[in-house]
Amino acid sequence: MKRTSIRALVATGLFVGAASGILTWGFYGYMPPVGVSVSVTLWLMSVVCAVMAWRMRSGMEKGGIGMDRSQINPVTAAQWLVVGKASAWTGAIVSGVYAGIASFVVPRSGELVAASDDLPGVLASLSGALALCVAGVVLERHCVAPPPPDGETA
């Protein structure tokens, strides 16, 4: 499996942000309100990914990946790698959505009551999605096992 490209994540976030911005600028009056509670799942998942990355890093420093009790199980490392990759892509897409919404809400928060009410939720969700994307990339990078030294079998 190849590493997730940071450039692809940024491009996806920008594309989704542009699409979300166009839709928000056209249909903001029909959108439901965005509360701060929307961001709770994003923040919770980013903390979970950060803890998994920390555990993977400490496990790699102690014994690496293998079948010994002191090592990280290869299946666990593969599962966490998939969680990291999925979190990075989810964070990029969701941050694009909330960046597009923020492009309308932030400039209009002083003149529209609905925009000022949505501002904390949009900013909390945007920052939570960015944190999820970063934590997912970090987790994915920590799940890669280094190649064996020359002369040793894999």
Foldseek 3Di string as FASTA:
>chain_A
DDADDPVVLQVLLQVLLVVLLVCCVVCVVPDDAFDQVVLPVLQVLLVVLLVLLVVLQVQCVFPEEDDDPSHNDLVVLVVLLVSLVVQLNQLSNQLSNLNSNCVPLVVCLVPDVSSVNRVNRSVSNNVSSVSSNVSSSSSNVSSDTDDDPPPDDD
